[in-house]
Amino acid sequence: MLTMKDVIREGHPTLRKIAEPVAIPPSKEDQKLLDQMMEFLINGQDPEIAEKYDLRPGVGLAAPQINVSKRMIVVRTSDENDEPIEYALFNPKIVSTSKETTYLDSGEGCLSVDRAVEGHVPRYARIKVEGYDRDGKKFSKRFRGYEAIVFQHEMDHLNGIMFYDRMDIDDPYKEPLAPKEVINRSEHEEPI
């Protein structure tokens, strides 16, 4: 079982590396790791398990965050009925984006960052992601709003980018110039 001890923190060199592609079809080891990553998100979102194992809740995790420099991510959010929506992907890539931008009004958090970093992180409002699912089948889906933000955050980890790299250092609350949509974070309390 993965715990917070397995999550590396900012300053670790693996977080700044470009992750390697995963061979498709995926190996049993890579599938097992992807399953463990999803289990970590599920456990972190369960208040009893999170308290027992001192887990921070999150809605996404990239393999580099557990010191594995491979192109693997997991995302676990919920729909309007609070039903979980889960994605576990190998070699995800963004193949198209909107002109409109978005951001979380209260900023982004990260399991690899133990400090609060306030400000707006500009993201595309809509994206199309392609990759491979746990079984190596081709995956393609469009995302918007909060899910699009989560995917962009996790996929940045695959390219050695931390969320605060996208912020304006001199003016962290600077409004993006492109047309924008603001996502209210109150519905989404877990750090990305």
N, C-alpha and C. Protein backbone atom coordinates (compact mmCIF):
# COMPACT_ATOMS: atom_id res chain seq x y z
N MET A 1 0.84 -1.19 0.00
CA MET A 1 0.00 0.00 0.00
C MET A 1 0.88 1.25 0.00
N LEU A 2 0.58 2.18 -0.91
CA LEU A 2 1.31 3.45 -0.96
C LEU A 2 0.82 4.36 0.16
N THR A 3 1.75 5.09 0.77
CA THR A 3 1.40 6.07 1.80
C THR A 3 2.10 7.39 1.46
N MET A 4 1.93 8.38 2.31
CA MET A 4 2.59 9.67 2.08
C MET A 4 4.11 9.54 2.11
N LYS A 5 4.62 8.50 2.76
CA LYS A 5 6.08 8.28 2.78
C LYS A 5 6.61 7.96 1.38
N ASP A 6 5.72 7.45 0.50
CA ASP A 6 6.13 7.13 -0.87
C ASP A 6 6.09 8.34 -1.79
N VAL A 7 5.44 9.41 -1.35
CA VAL A 7 5.30 10.61 -2.18
C VAL A 7 6.50 11.52 -1.97
N ILE A 8 7.25 11.77 -3.06
CA ILE A 8 8.41 12.65 -2.94
C ILE A 8 7.94 14.11 -2.96
N ARG A 9 8.76 14.98 -2.39
CA ARG A 9 8.37 16.39 -2.25
C ARG A 9 9.19 17.29 -3.16
N GLU A 10 8.67 18.52 -3.34
CA GLU A 10 9.35 19.48 -4.21
C GLU A 10 10.82 19.58 -3.81
N GLY A 11 11.67 19.74 -4.81
CA GLY A 11 13.10 19.76 -4.59
C GLY A 11 13.75 18.43 -4.98
N HIS A 12 12.95 17.35 -5.02
CA HIS A 12 13.48 16.04 -5.43
C HIS A 12 13.70 16.08 -6.95
N PRO A 13 14.86 15.62 -7.43
CA PRO A 13 15.17 15.73 -8.87
C PRO A 13 14.20 15.00 -9.79
N THR A 14 13.58 13.91 -9.35
CA THR A 14 12.66 13.17 -10.21
C THR A 14 11.48 14.04 -10.63
N LEU A 15 11.07 14.99 -9.78
CA LEU A 15 9.93 15.86 -10.12
C LEU A 15 10.26 16.84 -11.24
N ARG A 16 11.52 16.97 -11.59
CA ARG A 16 11.92 17.90 -12.65
C ARG A 16 12.37 17.19 -13.93
N LYS A 17 12.25 15.85 -13.95
CA LYS A 17 12.65 15.08 -15.12
C LYS A 17 11.45 14.87 -16.06
N ILE A 18 11.75 14.69 -17.33
CA ILE A 18 10.71 14.28 -18.28
C ILE A 18 10.60 12.76 -18.17
N ALA A 19 9.41 12.29 -17.85
CA ALA A 19 9.19 10.86 -17.61
C ALA A 19 9.25 10.08 -18.91
N GLU A 20 9.65 8.82 -18.78
CA GLU A 20 9.79 7.93 -19.92
C GLU A 20 8.45 7.31 -20.30
N PRO A 21 8.21 7.07 -21.61
CA PRO A 21 6.98 6.39 -22.02
C PRO A 21 6.93 4.96 -21.48
N VAL A 22 5.73 4.47 -21.29
CA VAL A 22 5.50 3.10 -20.84
C VAL A 22 5.29 2.23 -22.07
N ALA A 23 5.91 1.05 -22.11
CA ALA A 23 5.73 0.13 -23.22
C ALA A 23 4.27 -0.36 -23.23
N ILE A 24 3.69 -0.39 -24.43
CA ILE A 24 2.32 -0.86 -24.61
C ILE A 24 2.39 -2.11 -25.49
N PRO A 25 1.81 -3.24 -25.12
CA PRO A 25 0.95 -3.42 -23.95
C PRO A 25 1.76 -3.27 -22.66
N PRO A 26 1.10 -2.78 -21.60
CA PRO A 26 1.81 -2.56 -20.35
C PRO A 26 2.19 -3.88 -19.67
N SER A 27 3.31 -3.85 -18.95
CA SER A 27 3.74 -5.03 -18.20
C SER A 27 2.85 -5.21 -16.97
N LYS A 28 2.87 -6.40 -16.41
CA LYS A 28 2.11 -6.66 -15.17
C LYS A 28 2.59 -5.72 -14.05
N GLU A 29 3.90 -5.43 -14.02
CA GLU A 29 4.45 -4.54 -13.00
C GLU A 29 3.88 -3.13 -13.14
N ASP A 30 3.81 -2.65 -14.39
CA ASP A 30 3.27 -1.30 -14.61
C ASP A 30 1.78 -1.26 -14.28
N GLN A 31 1.04 -2.31 -14.62
CA GLN A 31 -0.38 -2.37 -14.27
C GLN A 31 -0.56 -2.37 -12.75
N LYS A 32 0.28 -3.13 -12.06
CA LYS A 32 0.20 -3.20 -10.59
C LYS A 32 0.47 -1.82 -9.98
N LEU A 33 1.47 -1.13 -10.50
CA LEU A 33 1.79 0.20 -9.98
C LEU A 33 0.63 1.16 -10.21
N LEU A 34 0.02 1.11 -11.40
CA LEU A 34 -1.13 1.96 -11.69
C LEU A 34 -2.27 1.67 -10.72
N ASP A 35 -2.50 0.38 -10.44
CA ASP A 35 -3.53 0.00 -9.47
C ASP A 35 -3.21 0.54 -8.07
N GLN A 36 -1.94 0.47 -7.67
CA GLN A 36 -1.54 0.98 -6.36
C GLN A 36 -1.73 2.50 -6.28
N MET A 37 -1.46 3.17 -7.38
CA MET A 37 -1.64 4.63 -7.41
C MET A 37 -3.12 4.97 -7.23
N MET A 38 -4.00 4.24 -7.91
CA MET A 38 -5.44 4.49 -7.76
C MET A 38 -5.90 4.15 -6.34
N GLU A 39 -5.39 3.06 -5.80
CA GLU A 39 -5.73 2.69 -4.43
C GLU A 39 -5.33 3.81 -3.46
N PHE A 40 -4.19 4.44 -3.70
CA PHE A 40 -3.73 5.56 -2.87
C PHE A 40 -4.77 6.69 -2.88
N LEU A 41 -5.29 7.04 -4.07
CA LEU A 41 -6.30 8.10 -4.15
C LEU A 41 -7.58 7.68 -3.44
N ILE A 42 -8.01 6.44 -3.65
CA ILE A 42 -9.23 5.95 -3.00
C ILE A 42 -9.07 6.01 -1.48
N ASN A 43 -7.94 5.52 -0.98
CA ASN A 43 -7.69 5.53 0.46
C ASN A 43 -7.62 6.95 1.02
N GLY A 44 -6.98 7.85 0.29
CA GLY A 44 -6.85 9.23 0.75
C GLY A 44 -8.18 9.97 0.79
N GLN A 45 -9.13 9.53 -0.05
CA GLN A 45 -10.45 10.17 -0.07
C GLN A 45 -11.42 9.55 0.93
N ASP A 46 -11.00 8.48 1.58
CA ASP A 46 -11.81 7.84 2.62
C ASP A 46 -11.34 8.38 3.97
N PRO A 47 -12.17 9.19 4.66
CA PRO A 47 -11.71 9.85 5.88
C PRO A 47 -11.14 8.91 6.94
N GLU A 48 -11.75 7.74 7.13
CA GLU A 48 -11.26 6.80 8.16
C GLU A 48 -9.89 6.23 7.79
N ILE A 49 -9.75 5.78 6.55
CA ILE A 49 -8.47 5.21 6.11
C ILE A 49 -7.40 6.30 6.09
N ALA A 50 -7.77 7.49 5.60
CA ALA A 50 -6.82 8.60 5.54
C ALA A 50 -6.28 8.93 6.93
N GLU A 51 -7.17 8.96 7.91
CA GLU A 51 -6.73 9.27 9.28
C GLU A 51 -5.85 8.16 9.83
N LYS A 52 -6.24 6.92 9.60
CA LYS A 52 -5.49 5.78 10.13
C LYS A 52 -4.07 5.74 9.60
N TYR A 53 -3.89 6.04 8.31
CA TYR A 53 -2.57 5.94 7.68
C TYR A 53 -1.93 7.31 7.43
N ASP A 54 -2.54 8.37 7.97
CA ASP A 54 -2.00 9.73 7.82
C ASP A 54 -1.81 10.10 6.34
N LEU A 55 -2.88 9.89 5.55
CA LEU A 55 -2.85 10.20 4.13
C LEU A 55 -3.47 11.57 3.87
N ARG A 56 -2.91 12.31 2.92
CA ARG A 56 -3.55 13.54 2.48
C ARG A 56 -4.47 13.20 1.32
N PRO A 57 -5.68 13.74 1.32
CA PRO A 57 -6.57 13.45 0.19
C PRO A 57 -6.09 14.15 -1.08
N GLY A 58 -6.27 13.49 -2.19
CA GLY A 58 -5.92 14.07 -3.48
C GLY A 58 -6.85 13.54 -4.55
N VAL A 59 -6.90 14.22 -5.68
CA VAL A 59 -7.73 13.77 -6.80
C VAL A 59 -6.89 13.30 -7.98
N GLY A 60 -5.58 13.39 -7.86
CA GLY A 60 -4.72 12.94 -8.94
C GLY A 60 -3.34 12.59 -8.41
N LEU A 61 -2.66 11.71 -9.15
CA LEU A 61 -1.30 11.32 -8.80
C LEU A 61 -0.60 10.91 -10.09
N ALA A 62 0.64 11.37 -10.23
CA ALA A 62 1.47 10.98 -11.37
C ALA A 62 2.63 10.13 -10.85
N ALA A 63 3.06 9.15 -11.64
CA ALA A 63 4.12 8.25 -11.21
C ALA A 63 5.39 8.98 -10.74
N PRO A 64 5.81 10.08 -11.38
CA PRO A 64 7.00 10.77 -10.86
C PRO A 64 6.86 11.20 -9.40
N GLN A 65 5.63 11.41 -8.93
CA GLN A 65 5.43 11.83 -7.54
C GLN A 65 5.76 10.71 -6.55
N ILE A 66 5.82 9.48 -7.03
CA ILE A 66 6.24 8.38 -6.16
C ILE A 66 7.61 7.86 -6.63
N ASN A 67 8.36 8.77 -7.23
CA ASN A 67 9.75 8.53 -7.65
C ASN A 67 9.89 7.45 -8.71
N VAL A 68 8.87 7.36 -9.60
CA VAL A 68 8.92 6.46 -10.75
C VAL A 68 8.78 7.34 -11.98
N SER A 69 9.86 7.49 -12.73
CA SER A 69 9.85 8.42 -13.86
C SER A 69 9.27 7.76 -15.11
N LYS A 70 7.96 7.46 -15.04
CA LYS A 70 7.24 6.86 -16.16
C LYS A 70 5.97 7.66 -16.40
N ARG A 71 5.48 7.63 -17.63
CA ARG A 71 4.31 8.40 -18.02
C ARG A 71 3.03 7.67 -17.63
N MET A 72 2.67 7.80 -16.36
CA MET A 72 1.50 7.14 -15.79
C MET A 72 0.80 8.13 -14.86
N ILE A 73 -0.53 8.22 -14.99
CA ILE A 73 -1.30 9.08 -14.08
C ILE A 73 -2.59 8.38 -13.67
N VAL A 74 -3.09 8.78 -12.51
CA VAL A 74 -4.43 8.37 -12.08
C VAL A 74 -5.18 9.62 -11.63
N VAL A 75 -6.47 9.65 -11.92
CA VAL A 75 -7.34 10.76 -11.55
C VAL A 75 -8.61 10.16 -10.96
N ARG A 76 -9.06 10.70 -9.83
CA ARG A 76 -10.31 10.22 -9.22
C ARG A 76 -11.08 11.43 -8.70
N THR A 77 -12.10 11.81 -9.44
CA THR A 77 -12.97 12.92 -9.05
C THR A 77 -14.36 12.33 -8.84
N SER A 78 -15.37 13.17 -8.80
CA SER A 78 -16.74 12.65 -8.67
C SER A 78 -17.68 13.46 -9.55
N ASP A 79 -18.79 12.83 -9.92
CA ASP A 79 -19.77 13.50 -10.76
C ASP A 79 -20.73 14.32 -9.89
N GLU A 80 -21.76 14.87 -10.52
CA GLU A 80 -22.71 15.73 -9.79
C GLU A 80 -23.50 14.97 -8.73
N ASN A 81 -23.52 13.63 -8.81
CA ASN A 81 -24.21 12.81 -7.80
C ASN A 81 -23.24 12.25 -6.76
N ASP A 82 -22.02 12.77 -6.74
CA ASP A 82 -20.97 12.31 -5.82
C ASP A 82 -20.52 10.88 -6.09
N GLU A 83 -20.78 10.38 -7.30
CA GLU A 83 -20.29 9.06 -7.69
C GLU A 83 -18.86 9.21 -8.22
N PRO A 84 -17.95 8.31 -7.82
CA PRO A 84 -16.57 8.45 -8.26
C PRO A 84 -16.40 8.26 -9.76
N ILE A 85 -15.50 9.05 -10.33
CA ILE A 85 -15.09 8.92 -11.73
C ILE A 85 -13.59 8.67 -11.69
N GLU A 86 -13.15 7.54 -12.25
CA GLU A 86 -11.75 7.17 -12.15
C GLU A 86 -11.13 6.98 -13.53
N TYR A 87 -9.89 7.47 -13.66
CA TYR A 87 -9.11 7.29 -14.88
C TYR A 87 -7.71 6.86 -14.47
N ALA A 88 -7.21 5.82 -15.10
CA ALA A 88 -5.85 5.34 -14.87
C ALA A 88 -5.23 5.17 -16.25
N LEU A 89 -4.21 5.98 -16.56
CA LEU A 89 -3.71 6.05 -17.93
C LEU A 89 -2.19 5.90 -18.04
N PHE A 90 -1.80 5.23 -19.12
CA PHE A 90 -0.40 5.17 -19.54
C PHE A 90 -0.23 6.13 -20.71
N ASN A 91 0.89 6.81 -20.75
CA ASN A 91 1.27 7.69 -21.87
C ASN A 91 0.19 8.69 -22.27
N PRO A 92 -0.45 9.36 -21.30
CA PRO A 92 -1.47 10.34 -21.69
C PRO A 92 -0.83 11.55 -22.36
N LYS A 93 -1.57 12.12 -23.31
CA LYS A 93 -1.11 13.36 -23.94
C LYS A 93 -2.33 14.19 -24.31
N ILE A 94 -2.12 15.50 -24.28
CA ILE A 94 -3.17 16.43 -24.68
C ILE A 94 -3.03 16.64 -26.18
N VAL A 95 -4.10 16.34 -26.91
CA VAL A 95 -4.03 16.44 -28.38
C VAL A 95 -4.73 17.69 -28.91
N SER A 96 -5.61 18.30 -28.09
CA SER A 96 -6.20 19.58 -28.50
C SER A 96 -6.65 20.33 -27.25
N THR A 97 -6.72 21.67 -27.40
CA THR A 97 -7.10 22.53 -26.29
C THR A 97 -8.03 23.63 -26.79
N SER A 98 -8.74 24.23 -25.84
CA SER A 98 -9.59 25.37 -26.16
C SER A 98 -8.74 26.64 -26.15
N LYS A 99 -9.29 27.71 -26.72
CA LYS A 99 -8.64 29.02 -26.60
C LYS A 99 -8.91 29.58 -25.21
N GLU A 100 -10.08 29.25 -24.64
CA GLU A 100 -10.45 29.77 -23.33
C GLU A 100 -9.57 29.16 -22.24
N THR A 101 -9.32 29.96 -21.23
CA THR A 101 -8.56 29.48 -20.09
C THR A 101 -9.45 29.41 -18.86
N THR A 102 -8.94 28.77 -17.83
CA THR A 102 -9.67 28.64 -16.58
C THR A 102 -8.66 28.58 -15.45
N TYR A 103 -9.15 28.65 -14.23
CA TYR A 103 -8.30 28.44 -13.05
C TYR A 103 -9.20 28.19 -11.86
N LEU A 104 -8.63 27.58 -10.83
CA LEU A 104 -9.36 27.40 -9.57
C LEU A 104 -9.25 28.70 -8.80
N ASP A 105 -10.37 29.23 -8.34
CA ASP A 105 -10.34 30.54 -7.69
C ASP A 105 -9.49 30.56 -6.43
N SER A 106 -9.34 29.43 -5.76
CA SER A 106 -8.51 29.42 -4.55
C SER A 106 -7.14 28.79 -4.78
N GLY A 107 -6.79 28.58 -6.03
CA GLY A 107 -5.47 28.04 -6.34
C GLY A 107 -5.42 26.53 -6.32
N GLU A 108 -4.28 25.99 -6.71
CA GLU A 108 -4.08 24.55 -6.76
C GLU A 108 -3.19 24.11 -5.60
N GLY A 109 -3.34 22.86 -5.23
CA GLY A 109 -2.47 22.23 -4.25
C GLY A 109 -1.85 21.01 -4.88
N CYS A 110 -0.91 20.39 -4.17
CA CYS A 110 -0.21 19.24 -4.74
C CYS A 110 0.27 18.35 -3.60
N LEU A 111 0.15 17.05 -3.77
CA LEU A 111 0.61 16.11 -2.75
C LEU A 111 2.12 16.19 -2.56
N SER A 112 2.84 16.69 -3.56
CA SER A 112 4.30 16.83 -3.46
C SER A 112 4.73 18.19 -2.93
N VAL A 113 3.77 19.04 -2.60
CA VAL A 113 4.09 20.39 -2.09
C VAL A 113 3.43 20.54 -0.72
N ASP A 114 4.25 20.68 0.29
CA ASP A 114 3.74 20.75 1.67
C ASP A 114 3.40 22.16 2.13
N ARG A 115 3.57 23.14 1.27
CA ARG A 115 3.29 24.52 1.65
C ARG A 115 2.14 25.05 0.82
N ALA A 116 1.51 26.08 1.33
CA ALA A 116 0.44 26.74 0.56
C ALA A 116 1.09 27.67 -0.47
N VAL A 117 0.63 27.58 -1.71
CA VAL A 117 1.10 28.47 -2.77
C VAL A 117 -0.14 29.15 -3.32
N GLU A 118 -0.31 30.42 -2.99
CA GLU A 118 -1.53 31.12 -3.37
C GLU A 118 -1.37 31.80 -4.73
N GLY A 119 -2.47 31.83 -5.47
CA GLY A 119 -2.49 32.49 -6.76
C GLY A 119 -3.22 31.67 -7.80
N HIS A 120 -3.34 32.25 -8.98
CA HIS A 120 -4.04 31.60 -10.09
C HIS A 120 -3.06 30.81 -10.94
N VAL A 121 -3.46 29.60 -11.30
CA VAL A 121 -2.68 28.76 -12.20
C VAL A 121 -3.48 28.66 -13.49
N PRO A 122 -3.10 29.41 -14.54
CA PRO A 122 -3.89 29.37 -15.77
C PRO A 122 -3.83 28.00 -16.45
N ARG A 123 -4.99 27.52 -16.84
CA ARG A 123 -5.12 26.23 -17.52
C ARG A 123 -6.08 26.38 -18.70
N TYR A 124 -6.04 25.44 -19.62
CA TYR A 124 -7.03 25.43 -20.70
C TYR A 124 -8.38 25.00 -20.12
N ALA A 125 -9.45 25.63 -20.57
CA ALA A 125 -10.79 25.29 -20.06
C ALA A 125 -11.26 23.93 -20.58
N ARG A 126 -10.84 23.58 -21.78
CA ARG A 126 -11.23 22.29 -22.36
C ARG A 126 -10.02 21.66 -23.03
N ILE A 127 -9.90 20.34 -22.86
CA ILE A 127 -8.79 19.61 -23.48
C ILE A 127 -9.31 18.27 -24.00
N LYS A 128 -8.57 17.71 -24.94
CA LYS A 128 -8.82 16.33 -25.38
C LYS A 128 -7.57 15.54 -25.04
N VAL A 129 -7.77 14.42 -24.32
CA VAL A 129 -6.65 13.59 -23.86
C VAL A 129 -6.71 12.24 -24.58
N GLU A 130 -5.54 11.79 -25.02
CA GLU A 130 -5.41 10.45 -25.58
C GLU A 130 -4.34 9.71 -24.80
N GLY A 131 -4.43 8.41 -24.76
CA GLY A 131 -3.45 7.58 -24.06
C GLY A 131 -3.91 6.14 -24.11
N TYR A 132 -3.51 5.38 -23.10
CA TYR A 132 -3.87 3.97 -23.02
C TYR A 132 -4.36 3.66 -21.62
N ASP A 133 -5.42 2.85 -21.54
CA ASP A 133 -5.96 2.49 -20.23
C ASP A 133 -5.12 1.39 -19.59
N ARG A 134 -5.55 0.93 -18.43
CA ARG A 134 -4.81 -0.06 -17.66
C ARG A 134 -4.50 -1.32 -18.47
N ASP A 135 -5.41 -1.69 -19.37
CA ASP A 135 -5.24 -2.91 -20.16
C ASP A 135 -4.53 -2.67 -21.49
N GLY A 136 -4.09 -1.41 -21.72
CA GLY A 136 -3.38 -1.11 -22.96
C GLY A 136 -4.29 -0.75 -24.12
N LYS A 137 -5.59 -0.54 -23.83
CA LYS A 137 -6.52 -0.14 -24.90
C LYS A 137 -6.43 1.37 -25.09
N LYS A 138 -6.58 1.77 -26.35
CA LYS A 138 -6.53 3.20 -26.70
C LYS A 138 -7.63 3.95 -25.95
N PHE A 139 -7.28 5.11 -25.42
CA PHE A 139 -8.20 5.95 -24.66
C PHE A 139 -8.24 7.32 -25.31
N SER A 140 -9.43 7.90 -25.44
CA SER A 140 -9.58 9.26 -25.96
C SER A 140 -10.83 9.86 -25.34
N LYS A 141 -10.68 11.06 -24.76
CA LYS A 141 -11.83 11.70 -24.12
C LYS A 141 -11.58 13.19 -24.00
N ARG A 142 -12.69 13.94 -24.07
CA ARG A 142 -12.63 15.40 -23.86
C ARG A 142 -13.00 15.70 -22.41
N PHE A 143 -12.30 16.68 -21.85
CA PHE A 143 -12.56 17.11 -20.47
C PHE A 143 -12.73 18.62 -20.45
N ARG A 144 -13.51 19.08 -19.47
CA ARG A 144 -13.67 20.52 -19.30
C ARG A 144 -13.68 20.85 -17.82
N GLY A 145 -13.48 22.13 -17.53
CA GLY A 145 -13.58 22.60 -16.15
C GLY A 145 -12.60 21.93 -15.21
N TYR A 146 -13.13 21.51 -14.05
CA TYR A 146 -12.29 20.96 -12.99
C TYR A 146 -11.49 19.74 -13.45
N GLU A 147 -12.15 18.80 -14.15
CA GLU A 147 -11.43 17.61 -14.62
C GLU A 147 -10.29 17.99 -15.57
N ALA A 148 -10.52 18.96 -16.43
CA ALA A 148 -9.46 19.41 -17.35
C ALA A 148 -8.28 19.96 -16.56
N ILE A 149 -8.56 20.70 -15.49
CA ILE A 149 -7.49 21.25 -14.65
C ILE A 149 -6.69 20.12 -14.00
N VAL A 150 -7.39 19.13 -13.44
CA VAL A 150 -6.71 18.01 -12.78
C VAL A 150 -5.81 17.28 -13.77
N PHE A 151 -6.32 16.98 -14.96
CA PHE A 151 -5.51 16.28 -15.96
C PHE A 151 -4.28 17.09 -16.34
N GLN A 152 -4.45 18.39 -16.54
CA GLN A 152 -3.29 19.22 -16.91
C GLN A 152 -2.26 19.24 -15.79
N HIS A 153 -2.71 19.31 -14.55
CA HIS A 153 -1.80 19.31 -13.40
C HIS A 153 -0.99 18.01 -13.37
N GLU A 154 -1.67 16.88 -13.50
CA GLU A 154 -0.97 15.58 -13.43
C GLU A 154 -0.05 15.38 -14.63
N MET A 155 -0.50 15.79 -15.80
CA MET A 155 0.33 15.62 -16.99
C MET A 155 1.55 16.54 -16.97
N ASP A 156 1.45 17.68 -16.30
CA ASP A 156 2.63 18.53 -16.11
C ASP A 156 3.71 17.77 -15.35
N HIS A 157 3.30 16.96 -14.35
CA HIS A 157 4.29 16.19 -13.59
C HIS A 157 5.10 15.26 -14.51
N LEU A 158 4.50 14.80 -15.59
CA LEU A 158 5.21 13.91 -16.52
C LEU A 158 6.28 14.65 -17.31
N ASN A 159 6.19 15.98 -17.30
CA ASN A 159 7.14 16.80 -18.04
C ASN A 159 8.02 17.65 -17.13
N GLY A 160 8.06 17.30 -15.85
CA GLY A 160 8.92 18.00 -14.91
C GLY A 160 8.44 19.39 -14.53
N ILE A 161 7.14 19.64 -14.68
CA ILE A 161 6.58 20.96 -14.42
C ILE A 161 5.75 20.91 -13.14
N MET A 162 6.00 21.85 -12.23
CA MET A 162 5.20 21.98 -11.02
C MET A 162 4.14 23.05 -11.28
N PHE A 163 3.00 22.96 -10.59
CA PHE A 163 1.89 23.88 -10.87
C PHE A 163 2.30 25.34 -10.71
N TYR A 164 3.15 25.64 -9.74
CA TYR A 164 3.52 27.05 -9.51
C TYR A 164 4.44 27.60 -10.59
N ASP A 165 5.01 26.72 -11.44
CA ASP A 165 5.79 27.20 -12.58
C ASP A 165 4.91 27.97 -13.56
N ARG A 166 3.62 27.70 -13.56
CA ARG A 166 2.69 28.34 -14.50
C ARG A 166 2.13 29.65 -13.96
N MET A 167 2.44 29.98 -12.71
CA MET A 167 1.93 31.21 -12.10
C MET A 167 2.83 32.40 -12.45
N ASP A 168 2.25 33.58 -12.44
CA ASP A 168 3.02 34.80 -12.62
C ASP A 168 3.65 35.14 -11.26
N ILE A 169 4.96 35.03 -11.17
CA ILE A 169 5.66 35.24 -9.89
C ILE A 169 5.44 36.65 -9.36
N ASP A 170 5.45 37.63 -10.26
CA ASP A 170 5.32 39.02 -9.83
C ASP A 170 3.88 39.40 -9.48
N ASP A 171 2.92 38.69 -10.06
CA ASP A 171 1.51 38.99 -9.81
C ASP A 171 0.72 37.68 -9.79
N PRO A 172 0.78 36.92 -8.65
CA PRO A 172 0.16 35.58 -8.62
C PRO A 172 -1.34 35.56 -8.89
N TYR A 173 -2.03 36.68 -8.66
CA TYR A 173 -3.48 36.71 -8.89
C TYR A 173 -3.83 37.39 -10.21
N LYS A 174 -2.86 37.52 -11.08
CA LYS A 174 -3.08 38.14 -12.38
C LYS A 174 -4.14 37.36 -13.16
N GLU A 175 -5.08 38.09 -13.72
CA GLU A 175 -6.13 37.46 -14.53
C GLU A 175 -5.56 37.07 -15.89
N PRO A 176 -5.86 35.85 -16.37
CA PRO A 176 -5.40 35.45 -17.71
C PRO A 176 -5.98 36.39 -18.78
N LEU A 177 -5.23 36.60 -19.84
CA LEU A 177 -5.68 37.50 -20.90
C LEU A 177 -6.73 36.86 -21.80
N ALA A 178 -6.66 35.55 -21.97
CA ALA A 178 -7.63 34.85 -22.82
C ALA A 178 -8.99 34.83 -22.14
N PRO A 179 -10.07 34.62 -22.92
CA PRO A 179 -11.38 34.46 -22.28
C PRO A 179 -11.28 33.38 -21.21
N LYS A 180 -11.99 33.58 -20.11
CA LYS A 180 -11.78 32.67 -19.00
C LYS A 180 -13.07 32.20 -18.34
N GLU A 181 -12.91 31.13 -17.60
CA GLU A 181 -13.97 30.56 -16.78
C GLU A 181 -13.31 30.28 -15.43
N VAL A 182 -13.93 30.69 -14.35
CA VAL A 182 -13.37 30.49 -13.02
C VAL A 182 -14.08 29.31 -12.36
N ILE A 183 -13.31 28.36 -11.87
CA ILE A 183 -13.89 27.19 -11.20
C ILE A 183 -13.84 27.45 -9.70
N ASN A 184 -15.00 27.36 -9.06
CA ASN A 184 -15.07 27.57 -7.62
C ASN A 184 -14.57 26.33 -6.91
N ARG A 185 -13.56 26.49 -6.09
CA ARG A 185 -12.92 25.35 -5.44
C ARG A 185 -13.74 24.75 -4.33
N SER A 186 -14.72 25.45 -3.82
CA SER A 186 -15.47 24.96 -2.66
C SER A 186 -16.06 23.57 -2.92
N GLU A 187 -16.38 23.26 -4.18
CA GLU A 187 -16.92 21.95 -4.51
C GLU A 187 -15.81 20.90 -4.57
N HIS A 188 -14.58 21.35 -4.65
CA HIS A 188 -13.44 20.46 -4.88
C HIS A 188 -12.38 20.72 -3.82
N GLU A 189 -12.53 20.13 -2.66
CA GLU A 189 -11.65 20.43 -1.55
C GLU A 189 -10.30 19.73 -1.59
N GLU A 190 -10.21 18.58 -2.27
CA GLU A 190 -8.95 17.85 -2.25
C GLU A 190 -7.89 18.56 -3.09
N PRO A 191 -6.62 18.51 -2.63
CA PRO A 191 -5.55 19.04 -3.48
C PRO A 191 -5.42 18.17 -4.72
N ILE A 192 -4.95 18.77 -5.77
CA ILE A 192 -4.74 18.03 -7.00
C ILE A 192 -3.46 17.24 -6.83
